[in-house]
């Protein structure tokens, strides 16, 4: 007969398992497990089997094991996990892509009835239609201010009704009505709260960022750095091209206003002395570009007229001969 392990032995085994997982895995998802049953959790374990391991436990035990492991290994990065262990949470250790694992976890959600006293995670709307209930139940709907009518011997809801708002507690009447209608408005599963990757902790929204989002954010940051650098006249790699252009404009303005000159300024001064040269240059370019199509037009007309003349000569007679 196998003897049961004591609590101390279980704690030692749990501590060894958690420390080994911290040693083997560098990526961890911290998930909330509120209203998740054991059967549902078992299904999630099977779905993630292969490259991910789910570990549940008391927060105090997990915190203690993490501190012990950090002291033994000298790695303080694992201590970033301790503030995240609040409430009914678990750890998913994975060697796969964090986004893919997070999406896989989100697939395992189970519908649940509205229980009395439960805080609604979403708005609950009762759709219109036949309820299948007998007319004796109309008083029940009247208490909840739900408009109904009798249709073919059953109660029918006329318009959609917002029964429970998000954040409100479910009352006994609302729970009884949803139960009678067979509506399971809520769905529960593991919810990713945070992600840990080689010592860095970030929110799960970061996993949804695409390359285009990163490029857009990077461009916005470069633009802000450039604006700040130009405002305080502090040279940076992003602001350098703009600074050179502004400096060239200033030097060119000084050259135009004074006798000082340089090759690039000579051309500008020449145009300013005789603007007509610039107008002639523009007109010359316009004539060159417009003459080619104009010359091509008569040739096309000649080509169109030639086939008619050739056809008359080939036939050797007209219609009136």
C-alpha atoms as a PDB file:
ATOM      1  CA  UNK A   1       0.000   0.000   0.000  1.00  0.00           C
ATOM      2  CA  UNK A   2       1.434   3.357  -1.114  1.00  0.00           C
ATOM      3  CA  UNK A   3       1.613   5.901   1.663  1.00  0.00           C
ATOM      4  CA  UNK A   4       0.356   9.432   1.023  1.00  0.00           C
ATOM      5  CA  UNK A   5       2.905  12.183   0.824  1.00  0.00           C
ATOM      6  CA  UNK A   6       2.912  14.738   3.582  1.00  0.00           C
ATOM      7  CA  UNK A   7       2.328  18.455   2.950  1.00  0.00           C
ATOM      8  CA  UNK A   8       6.025  19.108   3.442  1.00  0.00           C
ATOM      9  CA  UNK A   9       6.924  16.568   0.775  1.00  0.00           C
ATOM     10  CA  UNK A  10       4.381  18.075  -1.617  1.00  0.00           C
ATOM     11  CA  UNK A  11       5.827  21.553  -1.075  1.00  0.00           C
ATOM     12  CA  UNK A  12       9.353  20.290  -1.702  1.00  0.00           C
ATOM     13  CA  UNK A  13       8.254  18.542  -4.895  1.00  0.00           C
ATOM     14  CA  UNK A  14       6.356  21.643  -6.077  1.00  0.00           C
ATOM     15  CA  UNK A  15       9.357  23.857  -5.342  1.00  0.00           C
ATOM     16  CA  UNK A  16      11.657  21.544  -7.304  1.00  0.00           C
ATOM     17  CA  UNK A  17       9.255  21.434 -10.251  1.00  0.00           C
ATOM     18  CA  UNK A  18       8.846  25.223 -10.436  1.00  0.00           C
ATOM     19  CA  UNK A  19      12.607  25.829 -10.145  1.00  0.00           C
ATOM     20  CA  UNK A  20      13.250  23.307 -12.921  1.00  0.00           C
ATOM     21  CA  UNK A  21      10.696  25.012 -15.163  1.00  0.00           C
ATOM     22  CA  UNK A  22      12.298  28.398 -14.524  1.00  0.00           C
ATOM     23  CA  UNK A  23      15.610  26.840 -15.504  1.00  0.00           C
ATOM     24  CA  UNK A  24      14.302  25.263 -18.714  1.00  0.00           C
ATOM     25  CA  UNK A  25      11.983  28.001 -20.002  1.00  0.00           C
ATOM     26  CA  UNK A  26      12.657  31.684 -20.676  1.00  0.00           C
ATOM     27  CA  UNK A  27       9.123  32.591 -21.807  1.00  0.00           C
ATOM     28  CA  UNK A  28       6.144  32.646 -19.443  1.00  0.00           C
ATOM     29  CA  UNK A  29       2.526  33.759 -19.752  1.00  0.00           C
ATOM     30  CA  UNK A  30       0.765  34.848 -16.568  1.00  0.00           C
ATOM     31  CA  UNK A  31      -2.919  33.916 -16.859  1.00  0.00           C
ATOM     32  CA  UNK A  32      -6.039  34.508 -14.766  1.00  0.00           C
ATOM     33  CA  UNK A  33      -8.034  31.350 -14.036  1.00  0.00           C
ATOM     34  CA  UNK A  34     -11.253  32.762 -12.558  1.00  0.00           C
ATOM     35  CA  UNK A  35     -14.308  30.522 -13.055  1.00  0.00           C
ATOM     36  CA  UNK A  36     -12.232  27.911 -14.922  1.00  0.00           C
ATOM     37  CA  UNK A  37     -13.113  24.345 -13.952  1.00  0.00           C
ATOM     38  CA  UNK A  38     -10.765  21.384 -13.682  1.00  0.00           C
ATOM     39  CA  UNK A  39     -12.157  19.680 -16.800  1.00  0.00           C
ATOM     40  CA  UNK A  40     -11.751  22.853 -18.817  1.00  0.00           C
ATOM     41  CA  UNK A  41      -8.193  23.289 -17.534  1.00  0.00           C
ATOM     42  CA  UNK A  42      -7.406  19.701 -18.478  1.00  0.00           C
ATOM     43  CA  UNK A  43      -8.572  20.401 -22.026  1.00  0.00           C
ATOM     44  CA  UNK A  44      -6.293  23.425 -22.231  1.00  0.00           C
ATOM     45  CA  UNK A  45      -3.364  21.314 -21.017  1.00  0.00           C
ATOM     46  CA  UNK A  46      -3.994  18.814 -23.803  1.00  0.00           C
ATOM     47  CA  UNK A  47      -4.238  21.593 -26.396  1.00  0.00           C
ATOM     48  CA  UNK A  48      -0.899  23.096 -25.354  1.00  0.00           C
ATOM     49  CA  UNK A  49       0.877  19.772 -24.914  1.00  0.00           C
ATOM     50  CA  UNK A  50       4.177  19.631 -26.730  1.00  0.00           C
ATOM     51  CA  UNK A  51       5.887  22.967 -26.177  1.00  0.00           C
ATOM     52  CA  UNK A  52       3.986  24.476 -23.233  1.00  0.00           C
ATOM     53  CA  UNK A  53       3.329  23.508 -19.601  1.00  0.00           C
ATOM     54  CA  UNK A  54       0.677  24.977 -17.290  1.00  0.00           C
ATOM     55  CA  UNK A  55       1.496  25.262 -13.618  1.00  0.00           C
ATOM     56  CA  UNK A  56      -1.078  26.300 -11.042  1.00  0.00           C
ATOM     57  CA  UNK A  57      -0.545  26.763  -7.313  1.00  0.00           C
ATOM     58  CA  UNK A  58      -0.793  29.055  -4.339  1.00  0.00           C
ATOM     59  CA  UNK A  59       0.695  32.487  -4.883  1.00  0.00           C
ATOM     60  CA  UNK A  60       2.714  32.303  -1.682  1.00  0.00           C
ATOM     61  CA  UNK A  61       4.352  29.027  -2.744  1.00  0.00           C
ATOM     62  CA  UNK A  62       5.145  30.340  -6.222  1.00  0.00           C
ATOM     63  CA  UNK A  63       6.635  33.556  -4.843  1.00  0.00           C
ATOM     64  CA  UNK A  64       8.785  31.638  -2.359  1.00  0.00           C
ATOM     65  CA  UNK A  65      10.073  29.243  -5.026  1.00  0.00           C
ATOM     66  CA  UNK A  66      10.913  32.116  -7.365  1.00  0.00           C
ATOM     67  CA  UNK A  67      12.862  33.935  -4.643  1.00  0.00           C
ATOM     68  CA  UNK A  68      14.775  30.757  -3.742  1.00  0.00           C
ATOM     69  CA  UNK A  69      15.613  30.093  -7.389  1.00  0.00           C
ATOM     70  CA  UNK A  70      16.752  33.690  -7.907  1.00  0.00           C
ATOM     71  CA  UNK A  71      19.071  33.434  -4.899  1.00  0.00           C
ATOM     72  CA  UNK A  72      20.534  30.102  -6.034  1.00  0.00           C
ATOM     73  CA  UNK A  73      21.143  31.156  -9.645  1.00  0.00           C
ATOM     74  CA  UNK A  74      21.924  34.813  -8.978  1.00  0.00           C
ATOM     75  CA  UNK A  75      19.432  35.794 -11.699  1.00  0.00           C
ATOM     76  CA  UNK A  76      17.335  38.693 -10.454  1.00  0.00           C
ATOM     77  CA  UNK A  77      15.219  38.783 -13.636  1.00  0.00           C
ATOM     78  CA  UNK A  78      12.821  36.159 -12.256  1.00  0.00           C
ATOM     79  CA  UNK A  79      11.903  38.525  -9.409  1.00  0.00           C
ATOM     80  CA  UNK A  80       9.908  40.548 -11.988  1.00  0.00           C
ATOM     81  CA  UNK A  81       7.309  37.763 -11.855  1.00  0.00           C
ATOM     82  CA  UNK A  82       6.520  38.221  -8.149  1.00  0.00           C
ATOM     83  CA  UNK A  83       4.406  41.430  -8.428  1.00  0.00           C
ATOM     84  CA  UNK A  84       2.295  39.707 -11.122  1.00  0.00           C
ATOM     85  CA  UNK A  85       1.245  36.817  -8.865  1.00  0.00           C
ATOM     86  CA  UNK A  86      -1.962  38.305  -7.502  1.00  0.00           C
ATOM     87  CA  UNK A  87      -5.393  36.725  -7.485  1.00  0.00           C
ATOM     88  CA  UNK A  88      -6.257  33.378  -9.007  1.00  0.00           C
ATOM     89  CA  UNK A  89      -3.412  33.134 -11.509  1.00  0.00           C
ATOM     90  CA  UNK A  90      -1.276  30.448 -13.112  1.00  0.00           C
ATOM     91  CA  UNK A  91       1.893  30.244 -15.196  1.00  0.00           C
ATOM     92  CA  UNK A  92       2.247  28.888 -18.722  1.00  0.00           C
ATOM     93  CA  UNK A  93       5.848  28.008 -19.531  1.00  0.00           C
ATOM     94  CA  UNK A  94       6.472  27.800 -23.255  1.00  0.00           C
ATOM     95  CA  UNK A  95       9.195  27.491 -25.868  1.00  0.00           C
ATOM     96  CA  UNK A  96       6.848  28.411 -28.704  1.00  0.00           C
ATOM     97  CA  UNK A  97       5.762  31.768 -30.076  1.00  0.00           C
ATOM     98  CA  UNK A  98       4.067  33.769 -27.331  1.00  0.00           C
ATOM     99  CA  UNK A  99       1.410  35.158 -29.662  1.00  0.00           C
ATOM    100  CA  UNK A 100       0.487  31.716 -31.003  1.00  0.00           C
ATOM    101  CA  UNK A 101       0.297  30.255 -27.503  1.00  0.00           C
ATOM    102  CA  UNK A 102      -1.851  33.174 -26.343  1.00  0.00           C
ATOM    103  CA  UNK A 103      -4.240  32.671 -29.283  1.00  0.00           C
ATOM    104  CA  UNK A 104      -4.418  28.933 -28.577  1.00  0.00           C
ATOM    105  CA  UNK A 105      -5.311  29.591 -24.928  1.00  0.00           C
ATOM    106  CA  UNK A 106      -8.082  31.970 -26.031  1.00  0.00           C
ATOM    107  CA  UNK A 107      -9.783  29.204 -28.033  1.00  0.00           C
ATOM    108  CA  UNK A 108     -10.668  27.180 -24.932  1.00  0.00           C
ATOM    109  CA  UNK A 109     -13.655  29.070 -23.571  1.00  0.00           C
ATOM    110  CA  UNK A 110     -16.735  27.448 -22.100  1.00  0.00           C
ATOM    111  CA  UNK A 111     -20.199  28.989 -21.847  1.00  0.00           C
ATOM    112  CA  UNK A 112     -21.480  29.529 -18.321  1.00  0.00           C
ATOM    113  CA  UNK A 113     -24.854  30.485 -16.834  1.00  0.00           C
ATOM    114  CA  UNK A 114     -25.413  33.758 -15.029  1.00  0.00           C
ATOM    115  CA  UNK A 115     -25.171  32.967 -11.329  1.00  0.00           C
ATOM    116  CA  UNK A 116     -26.615  35.192  -8.608  1.00  0.00           C
ATOM    117  CA  UNK A 117     -24.072  37.680  -7.271  1.00  0.00           C
ATOM    118  CA  UNK A 118     -21.670  37.234 -10.190  1.00  0.00           C
ATOM    119  CA  UNK A 119     -20.234  40.418 -11.728  1.00  0.00           C
ATOM    120  CA  UNK A 120     -21.161  40.514 -15.406  1.00  0.00           C
ATOM    121  CA  UNK A 121     -18.055  40.655 -17.663  1.00  0.00           C
ATOM    122  CA  UNK A 122     -20.184  41.773 -20.637  1.00  0.00           C
ATOM    123  CA  UNK A 123     -23.563  43.337 -21.391  1.00  0.00           C
ATOM    124  CA  UNK A 124     -26.373  40.774 -21.504  1.00  0.00           C
ATOM    125  CA  UNK A 125     -29.121  41.423 -24.065  1.00  0.00           C
ATOM    126  CA  UNK A 126     -32.189  39.203 -24.347  1.00  0.00           C
ATOM    127  CA  UNK A 127     -33.145  38.916 -28.038  1.00  0.00           C
ATOM    128  CA  UNK A 128     -36.730  39.208 -29.267  1.00  0.00           C
ATOM    129  CA  UNK A 129     -38.637  36.099 -30.249  1.00  0.00           C
ATOM    130  CA  UNK A 130     -40.723  33.257 -28.957  1.00  0.00           C
ATOM    131  CA  UNK A 131     -39.656  32.039 -25.532  1.00  0.00           C
ATOM    132  CA  UNK A 132     -41.646  28.806 -25.518  1.00  0.00           C
ATOM    133  CA  UNK A 133     -43.030  29.676 -22.042  1.00  0.00           C
ATOM    134  CA  UNK A 134     -46.731  29.460 -21.256  1.00  0.00           C
ATOM    135  CA  UNK A 135     -48.793  32.645 -20.647  1.00  0.00           C
ATOM    136  CA  UNK A 136     -48.706  32.153 -16.868  1.00  0.00           C
ATOM    137  CA  UNK A 137     -45.100  33.408 -16.958  1.00  0.00           C
ATOM    138  CA  UNK A 138     -46.003  36.917 -18.185  1.00  0.00           C
ATOM    139  CA  UNK A 139     -45.906  38.345 -14.643  1.00  0.00           C
ATOM    140  CA  UNK A 140     -42.282  37.214 -14.427  1.00  0.00           C
ATOM    141  CA  UNK A 141     -41.421  39.331 -17.472  1.00  0.00           C
ATOM    142  CA  UNK A 142     -43.389  42.298 -16.162  1.00  0.00           C
ATOM    143  CA  UNK A 143     -41.247  42.423 -13.021  1.00  0.00           C
ATOM    144  CA  UNK A 144     -38.181  42.914 -15.247  1.00  0.00           C
ATOM    145  CA  UNK A 145     -39.982  45.453 -17.483  1.00  0.00           C
ATOM    146  CA  UNK A 146     -39.688  43.236 -20.559  1.00  0.00           C
ATOM    147  CA  UNK A 147     -42.404  43.915 -23.172  1.00  0.00           C
ATOM    148  CA  UNK A 148     -44.146  40.710 -24.259  1.00  0.00           C
ATOM    149  CA  UNK A 149     -47.218  39.428 -26.070  1.00  0.00           C
ATOM    150  CA  UNK A 150     -49.024  36.134 -26.310  1.00  0.00           C
ATOM    151  CA  UNK A 151     -48.505  34.434 -29.648  1.00  0.00           C
ATOM    152  CA  UNK A 152     -49.946  30.963 -30.367  1.00  0.00           C
ATOM    153  CA  UNK A 153     -50.256  30.150 -26.701  1.00  0.00           C
ATOM    154  CA  UNK A 154     -46.692  31.126 -25.730  1.00  0.00           C
ATOM    155  CA  UNK A 155     -44.958  34.251 -24.478  1.00  0.00           C
ATOM    156  CA  UNK A 156     -43.065  36.219 -27.118  1.00  0.00           C
ATOM    157  CA  UNK A 157     -40.579  39.018 -26.384  1.00  0.00           C
ATOM    158  CA  UNK A 158     -41.299  42.014 -28.620  1.00  0.00           C
ATOM    159  CA  UNK A 159     -38.038  44.004 -28.574  1.00  0.00           C
ATOM    160  CA  UNK A 160     -34.423  43.362 -27.511  1.00  0.00           C
ATOM    161  CA  UNK A 161     -33.894  44.081 -23.820  1.00  0.00           C
ATOM    162  CA  UNK A 162     -30.596  44.937 -22.105  1.00  0.00           C
ATOM    163  CA  UNK A 163     -31.009  42.786 -19.032  1.00  0.00           C
ATOM    164  CA  UNK A 164     -27.615  43.202 -17.338  1.00  0.00           C
ATOM    165  CA  UNK A 165     -24.933  45.815 -17.885  1.00  0.00           C
ATOM    166  CA  UNK A 166     -21.237  45.083 -17.785  1.00  0.00           C
ATOM    167  CA  UNK A 167     -19.877  45.429 -14.253  1.00  0.00           C
ATOM    168  CA  UNK A 168     -23.280  44.956 -12.556  1.00  0.00           C
ATOM    169  CA  UNK A 169     -24.034  42.048 -10.251  1.00  0.00           C
ATOM    170  CA  UNK A 170     -26.459  39.426 -11.469  1.00  0.00           C
ATOM    171  CA  UNK A 171     -29.706  39.476  -9.479  1.00  0.00           C
ATOM    172  CA  UNK A 172     -31.916  36.520  -8.649  1.00  0.00           C
ATOM    173  CA  UNK A 173     -34.638  37.566 -11.132  1.00  0.00           C
ATOM    174  CA  UNK A 174     -32.170  38.020 -13.998  1.00  0.00           C
ATOM    175  CA  UNK A 175     -30.504  34.687 -13.249  1.00  0.00           C
ATOM    176  CA  UNK A 176     -33.878  32.894 -13.089  1.00  0.00           C
ATOM    177  CA  UNK A 177     -35.046  34.408 -16.391  1.00  0.00           C
ATOM    178  CA  UNK A 178     -31.846  33.496 -18.256  1.00  0.00           C
ATOM    179  CA  UNK A 179     -32.097  29.995 -16.843  1.00  0.00           C
ATOM    180  CA  UNK A 180     -35.718  29.656 -18.041  1.00  0.00           C
ATOM    181  CA  UNK A 181     -34.723  30.871 -21.513  1.00  0.00           C
ATOM    182  CA  UNK A 182     -31.720  28.546 -21.631  1.00  0.00           C
ATOM    183  CA  UNK A 183     -29.298  31.417 -22.216  1.00  0.00           C
ATOM    184  CA  UNK A 184     -25.684  31.012 -21.049  1.00  0.00           C
ATOM    185  CA  UNK A 185     -24.470  34.580 -21.588  1.00  0.00           C
ATOM    186  CA  UNK A 186     -20.960  34.343 -20.186  1.00  0.00           C
ATOM    187  CA  UNK A 187     -17.915  32.427 -21.337  1.00  0.00           C
ATOM    188  CA  UNK A 188     -14.832  31.758 -19.267  1.00  0.00           C
ATOM    189  CA  UNK A 189     -11.317  30.588 -19.922  1.00  0.00           C
ATOM    190  CA  UNK A 190      -7.722  31.421 -19.124  1.00  0.00           C
ATOM    191  CA  UNK A 191      -7.058  35.123 -19.704  1.00  0.00           C
ATOM    192  CA  UNK A 192      -3.514  36.260 -20.438  1.00  0.00           C
ATOM    193  CA  UNK A 193      -2.621  39.101 -18.064  1.00  0.00           C
ATOM    194  CA  UNK A 194       1.095  39.585 -18.746  1.00  0.00           C
ATOM    195  CA  UNK A 195       3.961  38.071 -20.698  1.00  0.00           C
ATOM    196  CA  UNK A 196       7.514  37.410 -19.505  1.00  0.00           C
ATOM    197  CA  UNK A 197      10.376  36.987 -21.962  1.00  0.00           C
ATOM    198  CA  UNK A 198      13.997  36.729 -20.775  1.00  0.00           C
ATOM    199  CA  UNK A 199      13.485  39.125 -17.877  1.00  0.00           C
ATOM    200  CA  UNK A 200      11.202  41.593 -19.697  1.00  0.00           C
ATOM    201  CA  UNK A 201       7.569  41.895 -18.633  1.00  0.00           C
ATOM    202  CA  UNK A 202       4.955  43.428 -20.953  1.00  0.00           C
ATOM    203  CA  UNK A 203       1.206  43.469 -21.502  1.00  0.00           C
ATOM    204  CA  UNK A 204      -0.434  40.977 -23.894  1.00  0.00           C
ATOM    205  CA  UNK A 205      -1.403  43.827 -26.261  1.00  0.00           C
ATOM    206  CA  UNK A 206       2.234  43.959 -27.346  1.00  0.00           C
ATOM    207  CA  UNK A 207       1.849  40.482 -28.845  1.00  0.00           C
ATOM    208  CA  UNK A 208      -0.740  41.835 -31.307  1.00  0.00           C
ATOM    209  CA  UNK A 209       1.620  44.441 -32.772  1.00  0.00           C
ATOM    210  CA  UNK A 210       2.561  43.909 -36.431  1.00  0.00           C
ATOM    211  CA  UNK A 211       5.644  45.081 -38.329  1.00  0.00           C
ATOM    212  CA  UNK A 212       3.620  47.965 -39.797  1.00  0.00           C
ATOM    213  CA  UNK A 213       2.645  49.089 -36.287  1.00  0.00           C
ATOM    214  CA  UNK A 214       6.281  49.015 -35.166  1.00  0.00           C
ATOM    215  CA  UNK A 215       7.417  50.980 -38.227  1.00  0.00           C
ATOM    216  CA  UNK A 216       4.704  53.579 -37.644  1.00  0.00           C
ATOM    217  CA  UNK A 217       5.649  53.981 -33.977  1.00  0.00           C
ATOM    218  CA  UNK A 218       9.343  54.196 -34.874  1.00  0.00           C
ATOM    219  CA  UNK A 219       8.648  56.882 -37.487  1.00  0.00           C
ATOM    220  CA  UNK A 220       6.603  58.845 -34.945  1.00  0.00           C
ATOM    221  CA  UNK A 221       9.462  58.645 -32.442  1.00  0.00           C
ATOM    222  CA  UNK A 222      12.016  59.817 -35.031  1.00  0.00           C
ATOM    223  CA  UNK A 223       9.747  62.739 -35.919  1.00  0.00           C
ATOM    224  CA  UNK A 224       9.470  63.773 -32.256  1.00  0.00           C
ATOM    225  CA  UNK A 225      13.250  63.521 -31.755  1.00  0.00           C
ATOM    226  CA  UNK A 226      13.812  65.622 -34.871  1.00  0.00           C
ATOM    227  CA  UNK A 227      11.364  68.316 -33.734  1.00  0.00           C
ATOM    228  CA  UNK A 228      12.939  68.487 -30.270  1.00  0.00           C
ATOM    229  CA  UNK A 229      16.474  68.614 -31.682  1.00  0.00           C
ATOM    230  CA  UNK A 230      15.577  71.450 -34.044  1.00  0.00           C
ATOM    231  CA  UNK A 231      13.803  73.368 -31.276  1.00  0.00           C
ATOM    232  CA  UNK A 232      16.799  73.299 -28.905  1.00  0.00           C
ATOM    233  CA  UNK A 233      19.468  73.325 -31.656  1.00  0.00           C
ATOM    234  CA  UNK A 234      20.934  70.021 -30.488  1.00  0.00           C
ATOM    235  CA  UNK A 235      22.416  67.968 -33.341  1.00  0.00           C
ATOM    236  CA  UNK A 236      21.209  64.389 -33.738  1.00  0.00           C
ATOM    237  CA  UNK A 237      21.328  61.935 -36.615  1.00  0.00           C
ATOM    238  CA  UNK A 238      17.628  62.494 -37.343  1.00  0.00           C
ATOM    239  CA  UNK A 239      17.878  66.303 -37.273  1.00  0.00           C
ATOM    240  CA  UNK A 240      21.217  66.643 -39.105  1.00  0.00           C
ATOM    241  CA  UNK A 241      19.755  66.787 -42.675  1.00  0.00           C
ATOM    242  CA  UNK A 242      17.293  69.507 -41.655  1.00  0.00           C
ATOM    243  CA  UNK A 243      20.033  71.475 -39.906  1.00  0.00           C
ATOM    244  CA  UNK A 244      22.252  71.349 -43.002  1.00  0.00           C
ATOM    245  CA  UNK A 245      19.398  72.522 -45.219  1.00  0.00           C
ATOM    246  CA  UNK A 246      18.532  75.385 -42.848  1.00  0.00           C
ATOM    247  CA  UNK A 247      22.213  76.383 -42.638  1.00  0.00           C
ATOM    248  CA  UNK A 248      22.474  76.385 -46.444  1.00  0.00           C
ATOM    249  CA  UNK A 249      19.391  78.616 -46.671  1.00  0.00           C
ATOM    250  CA  UNK A 250      20.938  81.073 -44.182  1.00  0.00           C
ATOM    251  CA  UNK A 251      24.276  81.190 -46.021  1.00  0.00           C
ATOM    252  CA  UNK A 252      22.487  81.629 -49.353  1.00  0.00           C
ATOM    253  CA  UNK A 253      20.423  84.506 -47.919  1.00  0.00           C
ATOM    254  CA  UNK A 254      23.613  86.215 -46.682  1.00  0.00           C
ATOM    255  CA  UNK A 255      25.293  85.756 -50.077  1.00  0.00           C
ATOM    256  CA  UNK A 256      22.301  87.259 -51.889  1.00  0.00           C
ATOM    257  CA  UNK A 257      22.183  90.254 -49.519  1.00  0.00           C
ATOM    258  CA  UNK A 258      25.951  90.924 -49.622  1.00  0.00           C
ATOM    259  CA  UNK A 259      28.852  90.756 -52.074  1.00  0.00           C
ATOM    260  CA  UNK A 260      30.045  87.457 -50.625  1.00  0.00           C
ATOM    261  CA  UNK A 261      29.409  84.591 -53.023  1.00  0.00           C
ATOM    262  CA  UNK A 262      30.099  80.940 -53.776  1.00  0.00           C
ATOM    263  CA  UNK A 263      29.346  78.784 -56.871  1.00  0.00           C
ATOM    264  CA  UNK A 264      25.819  77.761 -55.803  1.00  0.00           C
ATOM    265  CA  UNK A 265      24.954  81.371 -54.951  1.00  0.00           C
ATOM    266  CA  UNK A 266      26.241  82.754 -58.271  1.00  0.00           C
ATOM    267  CA  UNK A 267      23.480  81.036 -60.208  1.00  0.00           C
ATOM    268  CA  UNK A 268      20.814  82.369 -57.849  1.00  0.00           C
ATOM    269  CA  UNK A 269      22.229  85.899 -58.101  1.00  0.00           C
ATOM    270  CA  UNK A 270      22.246  85.667 -61.899  1.00  0.00           C
ATOM    271  CA  UNK A 271      18.558  84.771 -61.979  1.00  0.00           C
ATOM    272  CA  UNK A 272      17.734  87.568 -59.547  1.00  0.00           C
ATOM    273  CA  UNK A 273      19.553  90.129 -61.701  1.00  0.00           C
ATOM    274  CA  UNK A 274      17.809  89.034 -64.902  1.00  0.00           C
ATOM    275  CA  UNK A 275      14.607  87.040 -64.206  1.00  0.00           C
ATOM    276  CA  UNK A 276      13.956  86.971 -67.955  1.00  0.00           C
ATOM    277  CA  UNK A 277      16.636  84.304 -68.397  1.00  0.00           C
ATOM    278  CA  UNK A 278      14.707  82.000 -66.155  1.00  0.00           C
ATOM    279  CA  UNK A 279      11.487  82.641 -68.129  1.00  0.00           C
ATOM    280  CA  UNK A 280      13.303  81.940 -71.429  1.00  0.00           C
ATOM    281  CA  UNK A 281      14.699  78.667 -70.064  1.00  0.00           C
ATOM    282  CA  UNK A 282      11.261  77.523 -68.994  1.00  0.00           C
ATOM    283  CA  UNK A 283       9.748  78.464 -72.354  1.00  0.00           C
ATOM    284  CA  UNK A 284      12.503  76.583 -74.210  1.00  0.00           C
ATOM    285  CA  UNK A 285      11.789  73.428 -72.245  1.00  0.00           C
ATOM    286  CA  UNK A 286       8.050  73.770 -72.921  1.00  0.00           C
ATOM    287  CA  UNK A 287       8.631  74.213 -76.696  1.00  0.00           C
ATOM    288  CA  UNK A 288      10.918  71.175 -76.834  1.00  0.00           C
ATOM    289  CA  UNK A 289       8.409  68.963 -75.104  1.00  0.00           C
ATOM    290  CA  UNK A 290       5.383  70.270 -77.062  1.00  0.00           C
ATOM    291  CA  UNK A 291       6.855  70.299 -80.592  1.00  0.00           C
ATOM    292  CA  UNK A 292       7.260  66.530 -80.854  1.00  0.00           C
ATOM    293  CA  UNK A 293       3.552  65.686 -80.467  1.00  0.00           C
ATOM    294  CA  UNK A 294       2.607  68.558 -82.793  1.00  0.00           C
ATOM    295  CA  UNK A 295       4.935  67.257 -85.524  1.00  0.00           C
ATOM    296  CA  UNK A 296       3.705  63.726 -85.101  1.00  0.00           C
ATOM    297  CA  UNK A 297       0.073  64.716 -85.660  1.00  0.00           C
ATOM    298  CA  UNK A 298       0.348  65.639 -89.395  1.00  0.00           C
ATOM    299  CA  UNK A 299       2.238  62.412 -90.095  1.00  0.00           C
ATOM    300  CA  UNK A 300      -0.597  60.409 -88.614  1.00  0.00           C
ATOM    301  CA  UNK A 301      -3.115  62.283 -90.773  1.00  0.00           C
ATOM    302  CA  UNK A 302      -1.049  61.577 -93.906  1.00  0.00           C
ATOM    303  CA  UNK A 303      -0.913  57.899 -93.032  1.00  0.00           C
ATOM    304  CA  UNK A 304      -4.678  57.803 -92.643  1.00  0.00           C
ATOM    305  CA  UNK A 305      -5.266  59.393 -96.126  1.00  0.00           C
ATOM    306  CA  UNK A 306      -2.862  57.124 -98.054  1.00  0.00           C
ATOM    307  CA  UNK A 307      -4.910  53.866 -97.857  1.00  0.00           C
ATOM    308  CA  UNK A 308      -7.935  55.529 -99.545  1.00  0.00           C
ATOM    309  CA  UNK A 309      -5.882  56.732-102.571  1.00  0.00           C
ATOM    310  CA  UNK A 310      -4.175  53.376-103.020  1.00  0.00           C
ATOM    311  CA  UNK A 311      -7.479  51.497-102.960  1.00  0.00           C
ATOM    312  CA  UNK A 312      -8.910  53.636-105.843  1.00  0.00           C
ATOM    313  CA  UNK A 313      -5.810  53.064-108.011  1.00  0.00           C
ATOM    314  CA  UNK A 314      -5.810  49.345-107.400  1.00  0.00           C
ATOM    315  CA  UNK A 315      -9.441  48.894-108.455  1.00  0.00           C
ATOM    316  CA  UNK A 316      -8.990  50.815-111.740  1.00  0.00           C
ATOM    317  CA  UNK A 317     -12.518  52.222-111.855  1.00  0.00           C
ATOM    318  CA  UNK A 318     -14.974  54.240-109.816  1.00  0.00           C
ATOM    319  CA  UNK A 319     -18.522  53.489-108.859  1.00  0.00           C
ATOM    320  CA  UNK A 320     -19.858  55.746-111.630  1.00  0.00           C
ATOM    321  CA  UNK A 321     -17.784  54.367-114.562  1.00  0.00           C
END
